[in-house]
């Protein structure tokens, strides 16, 4: 009788049902409120519809609540993140527009910079408070080009015309810019680097691509960024006028640990400038964006270069904004385009209430360690 179906239980005697309420396995007790609707009365017994059949609802309610609390305590969800996850901060703005600038990229660096400026200005004119650019938007995507187009971002001004432009536009338009990525030269090393500029035009953060794109799919595509680039060593979360943003670049999106780490640091939004190719793009690009969003219950924004079938590396395109329920809020095809869409952070709390994953994690079985935060304590 302990594993009877709901139908067989309803056909049982009142005494049997009362016993079942006490003995039903923990995993199945959550079904009890649906089997035995509870009404507030002074009696210890309520009718449930079947003639003359009574059930002791006070026992069911007490055991269900007590067991739920006991479960949460024994599962130690707070231990699933080490150090414990940071509570989602109140963002400085709850609703705003984001612009995703899917740009065509040529071998003419000056043209690329001027073209990106126009696209950012267009997005701002349409109301965007945050603008995201593609991966490697000032240079062709190739190991031969990276050293030639690389800029010394730390030196700034003439040494980095791309970031100088981003700083000027962010300041003049009073917007936040997640500046895609460009090849960066630092000493004798090259990086694939994203710069984030605040509304005052100041550099707020710099993310160097952590996971380098080294793949070999015979007959399809082979690429090794590590031939010229050095991997970054620091996850990047930055507080801006449009919320707390976690940054990744292209291949970084494949590693769910990084996204989970950003969520545990209180990120509202993840931004991934990326340039998936014609092999992995159709299969994985949208899938990974939706997975990172729904797993971590936050927004994910991506921005790709436009497709150029004549280039050495052909990008998939399809820049996209994904909501915290894994829903596609805005996307485009492969041509050059600027997407404007709305982000509403109030939805984060709604989705996390609907599916309280943070409270249901099994810290008694697994944990994600944020090494950087742990070492800084």
Protein backbone atom coordinates (compact mmCIF):
# COMPACT_ATOMS: atom_id res chain seq x y z
CA UNK A 1 0.00 0.00 0.00
CA UNK A 2 2.86 2.42 0.59
CA UNK A 3 3.46 2.88 -3.15
CA UNK A 4 -0.17 2.91 -4.24
CA UNK A 5 -1.25 5.29 -6.97
CA UNK A 6 -3.32 8.35 -6.03
CA UNK A 7 -6.43 6.58 -7.34
CA UNK A 8 -5.96 3.55 -5.13
CA UNK A 9 -5.27 5.77 -2.14
CA UNK A 10 -8.49 7.68 -2.59
CA UNK A 11 -10.35 4.40 -2.62
CA UNK A 12 -8.76 3.30 0.64
CA UNK A 13 -10.34 3.64 4.04
CA UNK A 14 -9.88 6.77 6.13
CA UNK A 15 -7.66 4.94 8.59
CA UNK A 16 -5.45 3.62 5.83
CA UNK A 17 -5.07 7.05 4.26
CA UNK A 18 -4.07 8.59 7.58
CA UNK A 19 -1.38 5.97 7.99
CA UNK A 20 -0.15 6.54 4.46
CA UNK A 21 0.28 10.25 5.10
CA UNK A 22 2.78 9.41 7.81
CA UNK A 23 4.60 6.61 6.01
CA UNK A 24 4.67 7.86 2.39
CA UNK A 25 8.28 8.14 1.14
CA UNK A 26 9.76 11.64 1.40
CA UNK A 27 10.10 12.16 -2.35
CA UNK A 28 6.37 11.62 -2.87
CA UNK A 29 5.00 13.73 0.01
CA UNK A 30 4.92 16.91 -2.08
CA UNK A 31 1.96 15.37 -3.92
CA UNK A 32 -0.15 15.26 -0.76
CA UNK A 33 -1.59 18.81 -0.96
CA UNK A 34 -3.05 17.88 -4.37
CA UNK A 35 -4.50 14.63 -3.03
CA UNK A 36 -5.88 16.18 0.13
CA UNK A 37 -6.95 19.83 -0.35
CA UNK A 38 -6.67 21.59 3.01
CA UNK A 39 -9.27 23.98 4.33
CA UNK A 40 -8.91 26.05 7.49
CA UNK A 41 -11.39 24.68 10.08
CA UNK A 42 -11.55 24.13 13.80
CA UNK A 43 -11.92 20.41 13.25
CA UNK A 44 -9.03 18.03 12.99
CA UNK A 45 -10.77 16.36 10.05
CA UNK A 46 -11.90 17.74 6.67
CA UNK A 47 -14.01 16.15 3.97
CA UNK A 48 -12.19 15.52 0.72
CA UNK A 49 -15.06 14.73 -1.63
CA UNK A 50 -15.55 11.01 -1.28
CA UNK A 51 -18.71 10.32 0.68
CA UNK A 52 -18.03 9.63 4.39
CA UNK A 53 -14.25 9.44 3.76
CA UNK A 54 -12.18 11.56 6.16
CA UNK A 55 -8.46 12.29 6.39
CA UNK A 56 -6.35 13.83 9.14
CA UNK A 57 -4.97 16.87 7.25
CA UNK A 58 -3.21 18.41 10.24
CA UNK A 59 -0.80 15.49 10.30
CA UNK A 60 -0.10 15.79 6.57
CA UNK A 61 0.58 19.52 6.74
CA UNK A 62 2.87 19.26 9.74
CA UNK A 63 4.93 16.43 8.30
CA UNK A 64 5.17 18.01 4.84
CA UNK A 65 6.44 21.35 6.19
CA UNK A 66 8.79 19.75 8.67
CA UNK A 67 10.21 17.36 6.10
CA UNK A 68 10.77 20.16 3.55
CA UNK A 69 12.71 22.16 6.12
CA UNK A 70 14.67 19.10 7.13
CA UNK A 71 15.47 18.31 3.51
CA UNK A 72 16.82 21.82 2.83
CA UNK A 73 18.96 21.66 5.95
CA UNK A 74 20.40 18.23 5.28
CA UNK A 75 21.13 19.01 1.62
CA UNK A 76 23.19 22.11 2.60
CA UNK A 77 22.51 24.16 -0.57
CA UNK A 78 24.73 26.98 0.71
CA UNK A 79 27.71 24.60 0.49
CA UNK A 80 27.16 23.99 -3.24
CA UNK A 81 29.12 27.20 -3.87
CA UNK A 82 32.49 27.83 -2.18
CA UNK A 83 32.61 30.53 -0.93
CA UNK A 84 28.81 30.78 -0.55
CA UNK A 85 27.01 32.49 -3.42
CA UNK A 86 26.53 36.25 -3.16
CA UNK A 87 22.92 37.37 -2.96
CA UNK A 88 21.74 38.96 -6.19
CA UNK A 89 22.38 42.70 -5.73
CA UNK A 90 19.74 45.33 -6.41
CA UNK A 91 20.66 46.71 -9.87
CA UNK A 92 20.96 50.47 -10.39
CA UNK A 93 18.32 50.19 -13.11
CA UNK A 94 15.60 47.55 -13.44
CA UNK A 95 14.71 47.92 -17.11
CA UNK A 96 16.72 49.18 -20.09
CA UNK A 97 17.49 48.59 -23.74
CA UNK A 98 20.54 46.72 -25.02
CA UNK A 99 22.05 47.03 -28.49
CA UNK A 100 23.87 44.15 -30.20
CA UNK A 101 25.96 45.41 -33.12
CA UNK A 102 26.63 42.58 -35.57
CA UNK A 103 29.34 44.22 -37.68
CA UNK A 104 30.96 43.41 -40.98
CA UNK A 105 34.74 43.26 -40.53
CA UNK A 106 37.33 44.02 -43.21
CA UNK A 107 41.10 44.19 -43.49
CA UNK A 108 40.91 48.00 -43.20
CA UNK A 109 41.37 48.75 -39.50
CA UNK A 110 40.51 52.45 -39.71
CA UNK A 111 37.31 51.61 -41.55
CA UNK A 112 36.41 48.98 -38.93
CA UNK A 113 36.83 51.51 -36.11
CA UNK A 114 34.78 54.19 -37.86
CA UNK A 115 32.11 51.66 -38.78
CA UNK A 116 31.84 50.40 -35.20
CA UNK A 117 31.46 53.97 -33.98
CA UNK A 118 28.53 54.58 -36.32
CA UNK A 119 26.84 51.35 -35.21
CA UNK A 120 27.20 52.28 -31.53
CA UNK A 121 25.78 55.74 -32.19
CA UNK A 122 22.86 54.21 -34.08
CA UNK A 123 22.11 51.85 -31.18
CA UNK A 124 22.24 54.73 -28.71
CA UNK A 125 19.87 56.78 -30.85
CA UNK A 126 17.40 53.90 -30.60
CA UNK A 127 17.58 54.02 -26.83
CA UNK A 128 20.27 51.47 -25.97
CA UNK A 129 21.93 52.07 -22.59
CA UNK A 130 24.25 49.09 -23.07
CA UNK A 131 25.96 48.23 -26.36
CA UNK A 132 27.76 44.97 -27.12
CA UNK A 133 30.23 44.54 -30.01
CA UNK A 134 31.48 41.32 -31.66
CA UNK A 135 34.62 39.30 -31.02
CA UNK A 136 37.67 40.62 -32.99
CA UNK A 137 35.77 43.46 -34.65
CA UNK A 138 38.79 45.57 -35.66
CA UNK A 139 40.75 42.80 -37.40
CA UNK A 140 40.32 39.76 -39.60
CA UNK A 141 40.02 36.62 -37.46
CA UNK A 142 43.30 34.81 -38.16
CA UNK A 143 46.54 33.98 -36.41
CA UNK A 144 48.39 35.94 -39.09
CA UNK A 145 46.33 39.07 -38.39
CA UNK A 146 46.38 39.09 -34.58
CA UNK A 147 50.01 40.33 -34.25
CA UNK A 148 49.52 42.94 -36.97
CA UNK A 149 46.30 44.46 -35.58
CA UNK A 150 47.12 44.09 -31.87
CA UNK A 151 47.00 47.22 -29.68
CA UNK A 152 48.63 48.17 -26.40
CA UNK A 153 45.45 48.85 -24.43
CA UNK A 154 47.28 49.89 -21.28
CA UNK A 155 49.17 52.60 -23.19
CA UNK A 156 45.92 53.91 -24.72
CA UNK A 157 45.42 56.80 -27.13
CA UNK A 158 47.58 56.37 -30.26
CA UNK A 159 48.71 52.92 -29.10
CA UNK A 160 45.09 51.74 -28.97
CA UNK A 161 42.84 53.62 -31.41
CA UNK A 162 40.07 51.03 -31.02
CA UNK A 163 39.65 51.44 -27.27
CA UNK A 164 40.19 55.20 -27.50
CA UNK A 165 37.17 55.37 -29.78
CA UNK A 166 35.10 53.21 -27.39
CA UNK A 167 36.01 55.44 -24.45
CA UNK A 168 35.10 58.62 -26.33
CA UNK A 169 31.73 57.28 -27.52
CA UNK A 170 30.78 55.87 -24.11
CA UNK A 171 31.48 59.25 -22.51
CA UNK A 172 29.79 61.38 -25.15
CA UNK A 173 26.66 59.21 -25.34
CA UNK A 174 26.56 58.38 -21.60
CA UNK A 175 26.22 54.65 -22.28
CA UNK A 176 27.96 51.47 -21.12
CA UNK A 177 29.94 49.61 -23.77
CA UNK A 178 31.05 45.97 -23.67
CA UNK A 179 33.58 46.43 -26.43
CA UNK A 180 33.55 43.02 -28.09
CA UNK A 181 37.17 41.98 -28.31
CA UNK A 182 40.36 43.02 -30.08
CA UNK A 183 43.87 41.56 -30.22
CA UNK A 184 45.82 43.04 -27.29
CA UNK A 185 49.60 43.32 -27.03
CA UNK A 186 51.08 43.31 -23.55
CA UNK A 187 54.85 42.97 -23.50
CA UNK A 188 55.74 39.98 -25.65
CA UNK A 189 52.29 38.39 -25.30
CA UNK A 190 49.08 38.67 -27.28
CA UNK A 191 45.59 38.29 -25.84
CA UNK A 192 42.02 38.22 -27.12
CA UNK A 193 40.64 41.01 -24.93
CA UNK A 194 37.29 42.60 -24.14
CA UNK A 195 37.19 46.11 -22.63
CA UNK A 196 34.21 47.45 -20.70
CA UNK A 197 33.70 51.21 -20.58
CA UNK A 198 31.38 53.09 -18.22
CA UNK A 199 29.21 56.10 -18.94
CA UNK A 200 32.09 58.35 -17.92
CA UNK A 201 34.29 56.84 -20.61
CA UNK A 202 36.62 55.17 -18.12
CA UNK A 203 37.82 51.60 -18.53
CA UNK A 204 35.93 49.64 -15.87
CA UNK A 205 37.29 46.16 -16.60
CA UNK A 206 39.29 44.13 -19.08
CA UNK A 207 38.61 40.45 -19.79
CA UNK A 208 41.21 38.31 -21.52
CA UNK A 209 39.77 35.20 -23.15
CA UNK A 210 40.27 32.38 -20.65
CA UNK A 211 39.62 29.35 -22.84
CA UNK A 212 41.51 29.49 -26.14
CA UNK A 213 39.86 28.21 -29.30
CA UNK A 214 41.94 25.15 -30.20
CA UNK A 215 39.86 22.66 -32.17
CA UNK A 216 40.29 20.10 -34.92
CA UNK A 217 37.24 18.72 -36.70
CA UNK A 218 38.68 16.80 -39.69
CA UNK A 219 37.26 17.91 -43.00
CA UNK A 220 35.43 20.82 -41.33
CA UNK A 221 37.58 23.26 -39.36
CA UNK A 222 40.93 23.44 -37.64
CA UNK A 223 42.03 26.46 -35.62
CA UNK A 224 44.55 27.00 -32.85
CA UNK A 225 44.43 30.36 -31.13
CA UNK A 226 47.23 29.19 -28.86
CA UNK A 227 49.67 29.49 -31.77
CA UNK A 228 49.64 33.25 -31.26
CA UNK A 229 47.47 34.08 -28.23
CA UNK A 230 47.95 33.61 -24.50
CA UNK A 231 45.05 32.54 -22.28
CA UNK A 232 43.71 34.98 -19.72
CA UNK A 233 43.86 34.04 -16.06
CA UNK A 234 41.06 36.02 -14.44
CA UNK A 235 37.25 35.68 -14.52
CA UNK A 236 35.65 39.10 -14.98
CA UNK A 237 32.58 40.45 -13.24
CA UNK A 238 32.01 44.19 -13.42
CA UNK A 239 29.48 46.52 -11.80
CA UNK A 240 28.07 49.02 -14.28
CA UNK A 241 25.23 51.52 -14.55
CA UNK A 242 23.15 48.72 -16.09
CA UNK A 243 23.86 46.03 -13.51
CA UNK A 244 26.50 43.45 -12.67
CA UNK A 245 27.87 41.80 -15.80
CA UNK A 246 29.95 38.64 -16.23
CA UNK A 247 32.17 38.60 -19.31
CA UNK A 248 33.26 35.72 -21.53
CA UNK A 249 34.60 35.58 -25.06
CA UNK A 250 33.33 33.04 -27.59
CA UNK A 251 34.85 29.67 -26.54
CA UNK A 252 34.41 30.69 -22.88
CA UNK A 253 30.67 30.05 -23.30
CA UNK A 254 31.28 26.30 -23.59
CA UNK A 255 32.45 26.10 -19.99
CA UNK A 256 29.44 26.14 -17.69
CA UNK A 257 31.66 26.43 -14.62
CA UNK A 258 32.61 29.98 -15.58
CA UNK A 259 28.97 31.01 -16.04
CA UNK A 260 28.01 29.37 -12.73
CA UNK A 261 30.86 31.21 -11.03
CA UNK A 262 29.57 34.51 -12.42
CA UNK A 263 26.05 33.71 -11.21
CA UNK A 264 27.44 32.93 -7.75
CA UNK A 265 29.11 36.35 -7.77
CA UNK A 266 25.72 37.98 -8.27
CA UNK A 267 25.76 38.71 -12.02
CA UNK A 268 22.51 39.86 -13.60
CA UNK A 269 23.73 39.44 -17.17
CA UNK A 270 26.40 37.50 -19.04
CA UNK A 271 27.89 39.03 -22.21
CA UNK A 272 29.73 36.87 -24.73
CA UNK A 273 31.18 38.49 -27.84
CA UNK A 274 31.82 35.50 -30.07
CA UNK A 275 32.51 34.28 -33.58
CA UNK A 276 31.25 30.71 -33.88
CA UNK A 277 31.93 29.15 -37.27
CA UNK A 278 29.81 27.44 -39.92
CA UNK A 279 30.40 24.00 -38.38
CA UNK A 280 29.73 24.61 -34.68
CA UNK A 281 27.47 27.62 -35.11
CA UNK A 282 24.34 25.88 -36.45
CA UNK A 283 24.62 23.13 -33.83
CA UNK A 284 25.83 24.84 -30.67
CA UNK A 285 25.59 28.65 -30.73
CA UNK A 286 21.96 29.08 -29.68
CA UNK A 287 22.02 25.90 -27.59
CA UNK A 288 24.90 27.12 -25.42
CA UNK A 289 23.40 30.57 -24.92
CA UNK A 290 20.09 29.14 -23.76
CA UNK A 291 21.84 26.60 -21.54
CA UNK A 292 23.95 29.23 -19.78
CA UNK A 293 20.84 31.40 -19.28
CA UNK A 294 18.49 28.73 -17.96
CA UNK A 295 21.11 26.96 -15.82
CA UNK A 296 21.98 30.19 -14.02
CA UNK A 297 18.63 31.98 -14.30
CA UNK A 298 20.00 35.21 -15.74
CA UNK A 299 20.21 37.08 -19.05
CA UNK A 300 22.73 36.12 -21.74
CA UNK A 301 23.70 38.45 -24.59
CA UNK A 302 25.95 37.47 -27.50
CA UNK A 303 27.33 39.38 -30.44
CA UNK A 304 28.99 37.93 -33.54
CA UNK A 305 30.63 39.50 -36.57
CA UNK A 306 28.47 39.43 -39.69
CA UNK A 307 29.15 36.58 -42.07
CA UNK A 308 31.66 37.09 -44.87
CA UNK A 309 31.72 34.01 -47.08
CA UNK A 310 34.92 35.22 -48.74
CA UNK A 311 37.01 35.51 -45.59
CA UNK A 312 39.43 32.93 -44.28
CA UNK A 313 37.26 32.39 -41.20
CA UNK A 314 33.50 32.48 -41.81
CA UNK A 315 31.40 33.52 -38.81
CA UNK A 316 27.95 32.09 -38.16
CA UNK A 317 26.38 35.39 -37.05
CA UNK A 318 23.02 35.18 -35.24
CA UNK A 319 23.69 37.62 -32.39
CA UNK A 320 21.10 36.97 -29.69
CA UNK A 321 19.58 38.02 -26.37
CA UNK A 322 18.28 35.19 -24.15
CA UNK A 323 16.08 35.57 -21.07
CA UNK A 324 16.50 33.79 -17.72
CA UNK A 325 13.94 31.11 -18.67
CA UNK A 326 15.97 30.20 -21.75
CA UNK A 327 13.66 32.13 -24.07
CA UNK A 328 14.98 33.89 -27.19
CA UNK A 329 14.10 37.56 -26.76
CA UNK A 330 15.82 38.89 -29.87
CA UNK A 331 18.07 37.52 -32.59
CA UNK A 332 19.12 38.14 -36.18
CA UNK A 333 20.41 36.22 -39.18
CA UNK A 334 23.96 36.39 -40.57
CA UNK A 335 23.94 39.79 -42.26
CA UNK A 336 25.15 42.99 -40.66
CA UNK A 337 22.51 44.29 -38.27
CA UNK A 338 21.93 46.14 -35.01
CA UNK A 339 19.46 44.51 -32.62
CA UNK A 340 17.69 46.54 -29.95
CA UNK A 341 15.91 44.64 -27.19
CA UNK A 342 14.80 45.16 -23.60
CA UNK A 343 16.20 43.65 -20.41
CA UNK A 344 13.92 43.58 -17.37
CA UNK A 345 15.76 42.48 -14.22
CA UNK A 346 12.51 42.04 -12.27
CA UNK A 347 12.09 38.83 -14.27
CA UNK A 348 15.16 37.35 -12.56
CA UNK A 349 13.46 37.26 -9.17
CA UNK A 350 10.27 35.90 -10.72
CA UNK A 351 12.05 33.01 -12.41
CA UNK A 352 14.12 32.22 -9.33
CA UNK A 353 10.93 32.11 -7.28
CA UNK A 354 9.24 29.86 -9.85
CA UNK A 355 12.23 27.51 -9.86
CA UNK A 356 14.19 27.97 -6.60
CA UNK A 357 17.28 26.14 -7.82
CA UNK A 358 19.65 27.94 -5.46
CA UNK A 359 17.76 26.53 -2.48
CA UNK A 360 17.62 23.04 -3.94
CA UNK A 361 21.28 22.40 -4.75
CA UNK A 362 22.93 19.43 -3.06
CA UNK A 363 25.86 20.90 -1.21
CA UNK A 364 26.18 17.55 0.53
CA UNK A 365 27.06 15.97 -2.84
CA UNK A 366 28.88 18.60 -4.92
CA UNK A 367 30.28 22.12 -4.88
CA UNK A 368 31.72 24.69 -7.27
CA UNK A 369 34.85 26.37 -5.95
CA UNK A 370 35.58 29.98 -6.92
CA UNK A 371 39.35 29.79 -6.51
CA UNK A 372 39.92 33.52 -6.92
CA UNK A 373 37.36 34.50 -4.27
CA UNK A 374 38.51 31.76 -1.94
CA UNK A 375 42.15 32.82 -2.13
CA UNK A 376 41.26 36.47 -1.54
CA UNK A 377 39.62 35.75 1.80
